[in-house]
Amino acid sequence: DLLQERNRATFDPSQLTYFLYDGAEKTKRKRYIQN
């Protein structure tokens, strides 16, 4: 059910994530630090 929800989205959520964390590179850096 959760997989289906993600597949039916009409936009790319990563673009919103990049907005929240100031770009793809900084998002990648955030994930590295947290992991």
PDB file of all heavy atoms in Angstrom:
ATOM      1  N   ASP A   1       0.835  -1.206   0.000  1.00  0.00           N
ATOM      2  CA  ASP A   1       0.000   0.000   0.000  1.00  0.00           C
ATOM      3  C   ASP A   1       0.867   1.253   0.000  1.00  0.00           C
ATOM      4  O   ASP A   1       0.560   2.239  -0.691  1.00  0.00           O
ATOM      5  CB  ASP A   1      -0.927   0.009   1.220  1.00  0.00           C
ATOM      6  CG  ASP A   1      -2.101  -0.945   1.058  1.00  0.00           C
ATOM      7  OD1 ASP A   1      -2.500  -1.195  -0.094  1.00  0.00           O
ATOM      8  OD2 ASP A   1      -2.603  -1.443   2.083  1.00  0.00           O
ATOM      9  N   LEU A   2       1.933   1.211   0.766  1.00  0.00           N
ATOM     10  CA  LEU A   2       2.818   2.375   0.828  1.00  0.00           C
ATOM     11  C   LEU A   2       3.580   2.536  -0.485  1.00  0.00           C
ATOM     12  O   LEU A   2       3.795   3.659  -0.969  1.00  0.00           O
ATOM     13  CB  LEU A   2       3.793   2.200   1.999  1.00  0.00           C
ATOM     14  CG  LEU A   2       4.389   3.471   2.629  1.00  0.00           C
ATOM     15  CD1 LEU A   2       3.323   4.486   2.975  1.00  0.00           C
ATOM     16  CD2 LEU A   2       5.189   3.104   3.872  1.00  0.00           C
ATOM     17  N   LEU A   3       3.959   1.424  -1.062  1.00  0.00           N
ATOM     18  CA  LEU A   3       4.647   1.472  -2.356  1.00  0.00           C
ATOM     19  C   LEU A   3       3.736   2.066  -3.428  1.00  0.00           C
ATOM     20  O   LEU A   3       4.164   2.886  -4.246  1.00  0.00           O
ATOM     21  CB  LEU A   3       5.083   0.057  -2.750  1.00  0.00           C
ATOM     22  CG  LEU A   3       5.993  -0.061  -3.980  1.00  0.00           C
ATOM     23  CD1 LEU A   3       7.303   0.691  -3.759  1.00  0.00           C
ATOM     24  CD2 LEU A   3       6.268  -1.532  -4.282  1.00  0.00           C
ATOM     25  N   GLN A   4       2.476   1.670  -3.402  1.00  0.00           N
ATOM     26  CA  GLN A   4       1.513   2.200  -4.362  1.00  0.00           C
ATOM     27  C   GLN A   4       1.323   3.707  -4.180  1.00  0.00           C
ATOM     28  O   GLN A   4       1.209   4.448  -5.158  1.00  0.00           O
ATOM     29  CB  GLN A   4       0.173   1.485  -4.209  1.00  0.00           C
ATOM     30  CG  GLN A   4      -0.915   1.989  -5.154  1.00  0.00           C
ATOM     31  CD  GLN A   4      -2.213   1.218  -4.980  1.00  0.00           C
ATOM     32  OE1 GLN A   4      -2.227   0.001  -5.074  1.00  0.00           O
ATOM     33  NE2 GLN A   4      -3.286   1.946  -4.720  1.00  0.00           N
ATOM     34  N   GLU A   5       1.295   4.139  -2.925  1.00  0.00           N
ATOM     35  CA  GLU A   5       1.143   5.579  -2.655  1.00  0.00           C
ATOM     36  C   GLU A   5       2.292   6.365  -3.273  1.00  0.00           C
ATOM     37  O   GLU A   5       2.091   7.439  -3.847  1.00  0.00           O
ATOM     38  CB  GLU A   5       1.097   5.828  -1.144  1.00  0.00           C
ATOM     39  CG  GLU A   5      -0.146   5.318  -0.444  1.00  0.00           C
ATOM     40  CD  GLU A   5      -1.403   6.058  -0.854  1.00  0.00           C
ATOM     41  OE1 GLU A   5      -1.310   7.251  -1.211  1.00  0.00           O
ATOM     42  OE2 GLU A   5      -2.474   5.434  -0.838  1.00  0.00           O
ATOM     43  N   ARG A   6       3.485   5.853  -3.149  1.00  0.00           N
ATOM     44  CA  ARG A   6       4.651   6.562  -3.687  1.00  0.00           C
ATOM     45  C   ARG A   6       4.643   6.563  -5.217  1.00  0.00           C
ATOM     46  O   ARG A   6       5.063   7.541  -5.843  1.00  0.00           O
ATOM     47  CB  ARG A   6       5.931   5.932  -3.139  1.00  0.00           C
ATOM     48  CG  ARG A   6       6.110   6.237  -1.656  1.00  0.00           C
ATOM     49  CD  ARG A   6       7.242   5.500  -1.005  1.00  0.00           C
ATOM     50  NE  ARG A   6       7.363   5.930   0.390  1.00  0.00           N
ATOM     51  CZ  ARG A   6       7.638   5.130   1.411  1.00  0.00           C
ATOM     52  NH1 ARG A   6       7.851   3.841   1.203  1.00  0.00           N
ATOM     53  NH2 ARG A   6       7.711   5.612   2.632  1.00  0.00           N
ATOM     54  N   ASN A   7       4.128   5.505  -5.812  1.00  0.00           N
ATOM     55  CA  ASN A   7       4.095   5.418  -7.270  1.00  0.00           C
ATOM     56  C   ASN A   7       3.028   6.316  -7.892  1.00  0.00           C
ATOM     57  O   ASN A   7       3.150   6.691  -9.056  1.00  0.00           O
ATOM     58  CB  ASN A   7       3.867   3.966  -7.702  1.00  0.00           C
ATOM     59  CG  ASN A   7       5.075   3.079  -7.429  1.00  0.00           C
ATOM     60  OD1 ASN A   7       6.208   3.561  -7.375  1.00  0.00           O
ATOM     61  ND2 ASN A   7       4.837   1.791  -7.245  1.00  0.00           N
ATOM     62  N   ARG A   8       2.001   6.642  -7.119  1.00  0.00           N
ATOM     63  CA  ARG A   8       0.902   7.427  -7.684  1.00  0.00           C
ATOM     64  C   ARG A   8       1.128   8.937  -7.553  1.00  0.00           C
ATOM     65  O   ARG A   8       0.334   9.726  -8.051  1.00  0.00           O
ATOM     66  CB  ARG A   8      -0.418   7.041  -7.017  1.00  0.00           C
ATOM     67  CG  ARG A   8      -0.548   7.508  -5.583  1.00  0.00           C
ATOM     68  CD  ARG A   8      -1.768   6.946  -4.877  1.00  0.00           C
ATOM     69  NE  ARG A   8      -3.020   7.392  -5.472  1.00  0.00           N
ATOM     70  CZ  ARG A   8      -4.200   7.328  -4.822  1.00  0.00           C
ATOM     71  NH1 ARG A   8      -4.254   6.836  -3.592  1.00  0.00           N
ATOM     72  NH2 ARG A   8      -5.295   7.755  -5.407  1.00  0.00           N
ATOM     73  N   ALA A   9       2.193   9.362  -6.881  1.00  0.00           N
ATOM     74  CA  ALA A   9       2.451  10.794  -6.697  1.00  0.00           C
ATOM     75  C   ALA A   9       2.601  11.489  -8.045  1.00  0.00           C
ATOM     76  O   ALA A   9       3.156  10.928  -8.993  1.00  0.00           O
ATOM     77  CB  ALA A   9       3.708  11.006  -5.855  1.00  0.00           C
ATOM     78  N   THR A  10       2.121  12.724  -8.126  1.00  0.00           N
ATOM     79  CA  THR A  10       2.164  13.474  -9.392  1.00  0.00           C
ATOM     80  C   THR A  10       3.392  14.363  -9.506  1.00  0.00           C
ATOM     81  O   THR A  10       3.552  15.065 -10.503  1.00  0.00           O
ATOM     82  CB  THR A  10       0.908  14.351  -9.528  1.00  0.00           C
ATOM     83  OG1 THR A  10       0.905  15.338  -8.481  1.00  0.00           O
ATOM     84  CG2 THR A  10      -0.361  13.518  -9.435  1.00  0.00           C
ATOM     85  N   PHE A  11       4.245  14.356  -8.496  1.00  0.00           N
ATOM     86  CA  PHE A  11       5.462  15.164  -8.535  1.00  0.00           C
ATOM     87  C   PHE A  11       6.607  14.364  -7.945  1.00  0.00           C
ATOM     88  O   PHE A  11       6.398  13.331  -7.303  1.00  0.00           O
ATOM     89  CB  PHE A  11       5.268  16.482  -7.774  1.00  0.00           C
ATOM     90  CG  PHE A  11       5.304  16.319  -6.266  1.00  0.00           C
ATOM     91  CD1 PHE A  11       6.424  16.692  -5.533  1.00  0.00           C
ATOM     92  CD2 PHE A  11       4.211  15.789  -5.574  1.00  0.00           C
ATOM     93  CE1 PHE A  11       6.474  16.539  -4.153  1.00  0.00           C
ATOM     94  CE2 PHE A  11       4.248  15.638  -4.197  1.00  0.00           C
ATOM     95  CZ  PHE A  11       5.378  16.012  -3.484  1.00  0.00           C
ATOM     96  N   ASP A  12       7.791  14.841  -8.162  1.00  0.00           N
ATOM     97  CA  ASP A  12       8.992  14.190  -7.649  1.00  0.00           C
ATOM     98  C   ASP A  12       9.307  14.747  -6.259  1.00  0.00           C
ATOM     99  O   ASP A  12       9.724  15.901  -6.131  1.00  0.00           O
ATOM    100  CB  ASP A  12      10.166  14.452  -8.600  1.00  0.00           C
ATOM    101  CG  ASP A  12      11.463  13.798  -8.119  1.00  0.00           C
ATOM    102  OD1 ASP A  12      11.442  13.126  -7.069  1.00  0.00           O
ATOM    103  OD2 ASP A  12      12.493  13.982  -8.794  1.00  0.00           O
ATOM    104  N   PRO A  13       9.095  13.964  -5.195  1.00  0.00           N
ATOM    105  CA  PRO A  13       9.317  14.491  -3.840  1.00  0.00           C
ATOM    106  C   PRO A  13      10.761  14.888  -3.562  1.00  0.00           C
ATOM    107  O   PRO A  13      11.020  15.694  -2.669  1.00  0.00           O
ATOM    108  CB  PRO A  13       8.868  13.341  -2.927  1.00  0.00           C
ATOM    109  CG  PRO A  13       8.910  12.121  -3.779  1.00  0.00           C
ATOM    110  CD  PRO A  13       8.608  12.575  -5.170  1.00  0.00           C
ATOM    111  N   SER A  14      11.707  14.343  -4.325  1.00  0.00           N
ATOM    112  CA  SER A  14      13.101  14.718  -4.094  1.00  0.00           C
ATOM    113  C   SER A  14      13.325  16.200  -4.372  1.00  0.00           C
ATOM    114  O   SER A  14      14.182  16.831  -3.737  1.00  0.00           O
ATOM    115  CB  SER A  14      14.035  13.868  -4.952  1.00  0.00           C
ATOM    116  OG  SER A  14      13.865  14.144  -6.330  1.00  0.00           O
ATOM    117  N   GLN A  15      12.536  16.767  -5.305  1.00  0.00           N
ATOM    118  CA  GLN A  15      12.678  18.193  -5.597  1.00  0.00           C
ATOM    119  C   GLN A  15      12.285  19.038  -4.386  1.00  0.00           C
ATOM    120  O   GLN A  15      12.888  20.074  -4.108  1.00  0.00           O
ATOM    121  CB  GLN A  15      11.825  18.569  -6.816  1.00  0.00           C
ATOM    122  CG  GLN A  15      12.239  17.871  -8.102  1.00  0.00           C
ATOM    123  CD  GLN A  15      13.700  18.113  -8.436  1.00  0.00           C
ATOM    124  OE1 GLN A  15      14.181  19.242  -8.439  1.00  0.00           O
ATOM    125  NE2 GLN A  15      14.426  17.020  -8.711  1.00  0.00           N
ATOM    126  N   LEU A  16      11.277  18.570  -3.662  1.00  0.00           N
ATOM    127  CA  LEU A  16      10.853  19.274  -2.450  1.00  0.00           C
ATOM    128  C   LEU A  16      11.879  19.071  -1.336  1.00  0.00           C
ATOM    129  O   LEU A  16      12.172  19.996  -0.569  1.00  0.00           O
ATOM    130  CB  LEU A  16       9.475  18.763  -2.025  1.00  0.00           C
ATOM    131  CG  LEU A  16       8.723  19.546  -0.946  1.00  0.00           C
ATOM    132  CD1 LEU A  16       8.684  21.029  -1.247  1.00  0.00           C
ATOM    133  CD2 LEU A  16       7.310  18.989  -0.792  1.00  0.00           C
ATOM    134  N   THR A  17      12.437  17.877  -1.256  1.00  0.00           N
ATOM    135  CA  THR A  17      13.504  17.617  -0.278  1.00  0.00           C
ATOM    136  C   THR A  17      14.697  18.535  -0.534  1.00  0.00           C
ATOM    137  O   THR A  17      15.277  19.091   0.405  1.00  0.00           O
ATOM    138  CB  THR A  17      13.949  16.148  -0.356  1.00  0.00           C
ATOM    139  OG1 THR A  17      12.834  15.297  -0.121  1.00  0.00           O
ATOM    140  CG2 THR A  17      15.032  15.858   0.669  1.00  0.00           C
ATOM    141  N   TYR A  18      15.050  18.686  -1.802  1.00  0.00           N
ATOM    142  CA  TYR A  18      16.182  19.558  -2.136  1.00  0.00           C
ATOM    143  C   TYR A  18      15.898  21.007  -1.749  1.00  0.00           C
ATOM    144  O   TYR A  18      16.814  21.737  -1.332  1.00  0.00           O
ATOM    145  CB  TYR A  18      16.507  19.469  -3.631  1.00  0.00           C
ATOM    146  CG  TYR A  18      16.945  18.110  -4.094  1.00  0.00           C
ATOM    147  CD1 TYR A  18      16.812  17.726  -5.435  1.00  0.00           C
ATOM    148  CD2 TYR A  18      17.490  17.185  -3.199  1.00  0.00           C
ATOM    149  CE1 TYR A  18      17.215  16.467  -5.864  1.00  0.00           C
ATOM    150  CE2 TYR A  18      17.887  15.928  -3.623  1.00  0.00           C
ATOM    151  CZ  TYR A  18      17.748  15.572  -4.957  1.00  0.00           C
ATOM    152  OH  TYR A  18      18.144  14.331  -5.376  1.00  0.00           O
ATOM    153  N   PHE A  19      14.642  21.420  -1.870  1.00  0.00           N
ATOM    154  CA  PHE A  19      14.284  22.772  -1.411  1.00  0.00           C
ATOM    155  C   PHE A  19      14.488  22.894   0.102  1.00  0.00           C
ATOM    156  O   PHE A  19      15.064  23.867   0.589  1.00  0.00           O
ATOM    157  CB  PHE A  19      12.834  23.092  -1.765  1.00  0.00           C
ATOM    158  CG  PHE A  19      12.250  24.206  -0.934  1.00  0.00           C
ATOM    159  CD1 PHE A  19      12.630  25.527  -1.151  1.00  0.00           C
ATOM    160  CD2 PHE A  19      11.352  23.927   0.087  1.00  0.00           C
ATOM    161  CE1 PHE A  19      12.113  26.552  -0.359  1.00  0.00           C
ATOM    162  CE2 PHE A  19      10.832  24.950   0.879  1.00  0.00           C
ATOM    163  CZ  PHE A  19      11.210  26.273   0.650  1.00  0.00           C
ATOM    164  N   LEU A  20      14.031  21.895   0.828  1.00  0.00           N
ATOM    165  CA  LEU A  20      14.101  21.953   2.291  1.00  0.00           C
ATOM    166  C   LEU A  20      15.542  21.960   2.795  1.00  0.00           C
ATOM    167  O   LEU A  20      15.831  22.553   3.841  1.00  0.00           O
ATOM    168  CB  LEU A  20      13.357  20.758   2.898  1.00  0.00           C
ATOM    169  CG  LEU A  20      11.837  20.756   2.735  1.00  0.00           C
ATOM    170  CD1 LEU A  20      11.260  19.426   3.206  1.00  0.00           C
ATOM    171  CD2 LEU A  20      11.201  21.909   3.496  1.00  0.00           C
ATOM    172  N   TYR A  21      16.444  21.298   2.044  1.00  0.00           N
ATOM    173  CA  TYR A  21      17.818  21.168   2.515  1.00  0.00           C
ATOM    174  C   TYR A  21      18.824  21.852   1.593  1.00  0.00           C
ATOM    175  O   TYR A  21      20.003  21.516   1.579  1.00  0.00           O
ATOM    176  CB  TYR A  21      18.155  19.690   2.711  1.00  0.00           C
ATOM    177  CG  TYR A  21      17.238  19.032   3.717  1.00  0.00           C
ATOM    178  CD1 TYR A  21      16.271  18.116   3.309  1.00  0.00           C
ATOM    179  CD2 TYR A  21      17.292  19.371   5.063  1.00  0.00           C
ATOM    180  CE1 TYR A  21      15.405  17.536   4.230  1.00  0.00           C
ATOM    181  CE2 TYR A  21      16.436  18.795   5.991  1.00  0.00           C
ATOM    182  CZ  TYR A  21      15.485  17.883   5.565  1.00  0.00           C
ATOM    183  OH  TYR A  21      14.637  17.318   6.474  1.00  0.00           O
ATOM    184  N   ASP A  22      18.327  22.817   0.807  1.00  0.00           N
ATOM    185  CA  ASP A  22      19.202  23.697   0.015  1.00  0.00           C
ATOM    186  C   ASP A  22      20.003  22.972  -1.059  1.00  0.00           C
ATOM    187  O   ASP A  22      21.202  23.228  -1.240  1.00  0.00           O
ATOM    188  CB  ASP A  22      20.152  24.478   0.938  1.00  0.00           C
ATOM    189  CG  ASP A  22      19.401  25.359   1.916  1.00  0.00           C
ATOM    190  OD1 ASP A  22      18.399  25.972   1.512  1.00  0.00           O
ATOM    191  OD2 ASP A  22      19.794  25.421   3.092  1.00  0.00           O
ATOM    192  N   GLY A  23      19.338  22.058  -1.770  1.00  0.00           N
ATOM    193  CA  GLY A  23      19.966  21.468  -2.940  1.00  0.00           C
ATOM    194  C   GLY A  23      20.329  20.003  -2.794  1.00  0.00           C
ATOM    195  O   GLY A  23      20.365  19.448  -1.691  1.00  0.00           O
ATOM    196  N   ALA A  24      20.624  19.373  -3.932  1.00  0.00           N
ATOM    197  CA  ALA A  24      20.918  17.944  -3.960  1.00  0.00           C
ATOM    198  C   ALA A  24      22.196  17.597  -3.194  1.00  0.00           C
ATOM    199  O   ALA A  24      22.248  16.606  -2.462  1.00  0.00           O
ATOM    200  CB  ALA A  24      21.027  17.471  -5.410  1.00  0.00           C
ATOM    201  N   GLU A  25      23.224  18.415  -3.360  1.00  0.00           N
ATOM    202  CA  GLU A  25      24.496  18.113  -2.697  1.00  0.00           C
ATOM    203  C   GLU A  25      24.386  18.218  -1.184  1.00  0.00           C
ATOM    204  O   GLU A  25      24.913  17.376  -0.448  1.00  0.00           O
ATOM    205  CB  GLU A  25      25.595  19.039  -3.231  1.00  0.00           C
ATOM    206  CG  GLU A  25      26.074  18.693  -4.625  1.00  0.00           C
ATOM    207  CD  GLU A  25      26.582  17.253  -4.725  1.00  0.00           C
ATOM    208  OE1 GLU A  25      27.369  16.839  -3.841  1.00  0.00           O
ATOM    209  OE2 GLU A  25      26.191  16.556  -5.663  1.00  0.00           O
ATOM    210  N   LYS A  26      23.685  19.255  -0.722  1.00  0.00           N
ATOM    211  CA  LYS A  26      23.537  19.418   0.728  1.00  0.00           C
ATOM    212  C   LYS A  26      22.609  18.342   1.306  1.00  0.00           C
ATOM    213  O   LYS A  26      22.770  17.944   2.465  1.00  0.00           O
ATOM    214  CB  LYS A  26      23.040  20.818   1.056  1.00  0.00           C
ATOM    215  CG  LYS A  26      24.103  21.884   0.808  1.00  0.00           C
ATOM    216  CD  LYS A  26      23.689  23.238   1.354  1.00  0.00           C
ATOM    217  CE  LYS A  26      24.820  24.254   1.181  1.00  0.00           C
ATOM    218  NZ  LYS A  26      24.470  25.593   1.711  1.00  0.00           N
ATOM    219  N   THR A  27      21.642  17.904   0.505  1.00  0.00           N
ATOM    220  CA  THR A  27      20.788  16.796   0.951  1.00  0.00           C
ATOM    221  C   THR A  27      21.612  15.522   1.093  1.00  0.00           C
ATOM    222  O   THR A  27      21.471  14.764   2.068  1.00  0.00           O
ATOM    223  CB  THR A  27      19.641  16.566  -0.044  1.00  0.00           C
ATOM    224  OG1 THR A  27      18.848  17.752  -0.130  1.00  0.00           O
ATOM    225  CG2 THR A  27      18.757  15.410   0.400  1.00  0.00           C
ATOM    226  N   LYS A  28      22.470  15.283   0.124  1.00  0.00           N
ATOM    227  CA  LYS A  28      23.363  14.119   0.183  1.00  0.00           C
ATOM    228  C   LYS A  28      24.262  14.199   1.412  1.00  0.00           C
ATOM    229  O   LYS A  28      24.485  13.193   2.110  1.00  0.00           O
ATOM    230  CB  LYS A  28      24.199  14.060  -1.094  1.00  0.00           C
ATOM    231  CG  LYS A  28      25.136  12.867  -1.185  1.00  0.00           C
ATOM    232  CD  LYS A  28      25.919  12.886  -2.499  1.00  0.00           C
ATOM    233  CE  LYS A  28      26.890  11.715  -2.591  1.00  0.00           C
ATOM    234  NZ  LYS A  28      27.662  11.761  -3.868  1.00  0.00           N
ATOM    235  N   ARG A  29      24.763  15.386   1.684  1.00  0.00           N
ATOM    236  CA  ARG A  29      25.627  15.591   2.850  1.00  0.00           C
ATOM    237  C   ARG A  29      24.843  15.358   4.142  1.00  0.00           C
ATOM    238  O   ARG A  29      25.356  14.729   5.072  1.00  0.00           O
ATOM    239  CB  ARG A  29      26.181  17.016   2.815  1.00  0.00           C
ATOM    240  CG  ARG A  29      26.995  17.444   4.018  1.00  0.00           C
ATOM    241  CD  ARG A  29      28.319  16.737   4.101  1.00  0.00           C
ATOM    242  NE  ARG A  29      29.145  17.330   5.151  1.00  0.00           N
ATOM    243  CZ  ARG A  29      30.239  16.773   5.630  1.00  0.00           C
ATOM    244  NH1 ARG A  29      30.662  15.613   5.156  1.00  0.00           N
ATOM    245  NH2 ARG A  29      30.937  17.373   6.568  1.00  0.00           N
ATOM    246  N   LYS A  30      23.609  15.837   4.195  1.00  0.00           N
ATOM    247  CA  LYS A  30      22.749  15.620   5.363  1.00  0.00           C
ATOM    248  C   LYS A  30      22.580  14.129   5.625  1.00  0.00           C
ATOM    249  O   LYS A  30      22.705  13.657   6.766  1.00  0.00           O
ATOM    250  CB  LYS A  30      21.389  16.267   5.139  1.00  0.00           C
ATOM    251  CG  LYS A  30      20.301  15.820   6.120  1.00  0.00           C
ATOM    252  CD  LYS A  30      18.929  16.085   5.554  1.00  0.00           C
ATOM    253  CE  LYS A  30      17.841  15.435   6.367  1.00  0.00           C
ATOM    254  NZ  LYS A  30      17.732  13.979   6.248  1.00  0.00           N
ATOM    255  N   ARG A  31      22.281  13.377   4.569  1.00  0.00           N
ATOM    256  CA  ARG A  31      22.050  11.943   4.721  1.00  0.00           C
ATOM    257  C   ARG A  31      23.316  11.225   5.188  1.00  0.00           C
ATOM    258  O   ARG A  31      23.239  10.305   6.018  1.00  0.00           O
ATOM    259  CB  ARG A  31      21.549  11.359   3.398  1.00  0.00           C
ATOM    260  CG  ARG A  31      20.132  11.810   3.057  1.00  0.00           C
ATOM    261  CD  ARG A  31      19.738  11.443   1.637  1.00  0.00           C
ATOM    262  NE  ARG A  31      18.361  11.822   1.354  1.00  0.00           N
ATOM    263  CZ  ARG A  31      17.817  11.832   0.142  1.00  0.00           C
ATOM    264  NH1 ARG A  31      18.556  11.479  -0.916  1.00  0.00           N
ATOM    265  NH2 ARG A  31      16.563  12.184  -0.026  1.00  0.00           N
ATOM    266  N   TYR A  32      24.449  11.652   4.678  1.00  0.00           N
ATOM    267  CA  TYR A  32      25.716  11.040   5.102  1.00  0.00           C
ATOM    268  C   TYR A  32      25.938  11.269   6.597  1.00  0.00           C
ATOM    269  O   TYR A  32      26.260  10.327   7.341  1.00  0.00           O
ATOM    270  CB  TYR A  32      26.878  11.625   4.308  1.00  0.00           C
ATOM    271  CG  TYR A  32      28.233  11.307   4.915  1.00  0.00           C
ATOM    272  CD1 TYR A  32      28.795  10.035   4.788  1.00  0.00           C
ATOM    273  CD2 TYR A  32      28.929  12.269   5.652  1.00  0.00           C
ATOM    274  CE1 TYR A  32      30.011   9.729   5.372  1.00  0.00           C
ATOM    275  CE2 TYR A  32      30.151  11.974   6.235  1.00  0.00           C
ATOM    276  CZ  TYR A  32      30.690  10.701   6.099  1.00  0.00           C
ATOM    277  OH  TYR A  32      31.890  10.404   6.691  1.00  0.00           O
ATOM    278  N   ILE A  33      25.768  12.505   7.037  1.00  0.00           N
ATOM    279  CA  ILE A  33      26.000  12.841   8.446  1.00  0.00           C
ATOM    280  C   ILE A  33      25.046  12.063   9.340  1.00  0.00           C
ATOM    281  O   ILE A  33      25.450  11.480  10.360  1.00  0.00           O
ATOM    282  CB  ILE A  33      25.837  14.360   8.662  1.00  0.00           C
ATOM    283  CG1 ILE A  33      26.987  15.117   7.989  1.00  0.00           C
ATOM    284  CG2 ILE A  33      25.764  14.701  10.144  1.00  0.00           C
ATOM    285  CD1 ILE A  33      26.782  16.617   7.937  1.00  0.00           C
ATOM    286  N   GLN A  34      23.771  12.041   8.971  1.00  0.00           N
ATOM    287  CA  GLN A  34      22.787  11.383   9.825  1.00  0.00           C
ATOM    288  C   GLN A  34      22.975   9.870   9.839  1.00  0.00           C
ATOM    289  O   GLN A  34      22.893   9.245  10.902  1.00  0.00           O
ATOM    290  CB  GLN A  34      21.374  11.759   9.376  1.00  0.00           C
ATOM    291  CG  GLN A  34      21.050  13.235   9.611  1.00  0.00           C
ATOM    292  CD  GLN A  34      19.578  13.556   9.484  1.00  0.00           C
ATOM    293  OE1 GLN A  34      18.859  12.976   8.678  1.00  0.00           O
ATOM    294  NE2 GLN A  34      19.109  14.500  10.286  1.00  0.00           N
ATOM    295  N   ASN A  35      23.233   9.276   8.686  1.00  0.00           N
ATOM    296  CA  ASN A  35      23.439   7.818   8.640  1.00  0.00           C
ATOM    297  C   ASN A  35      24.680   7.396   9.419  1.00  0.00           C
ATOM    298  O   ASN A  35      24.683   6.359  10.095  1.00  0.00           O
ATOM    299  CB  ASN A  35      23.539   7.344   7.189  1.00  0.00           C
ATOM    300  CG  ASN A  35      22.208   7.411   6.467  1.00  0.00           C
ATOM    301  OD1 ASN A  35      21.158   7.364   7.096  1.00  0.00           O
ATOM    302  ND2 ASN A  35      22.252   7.535   5.152  1.00  0.00           N
TER     303      ASN A  35
END
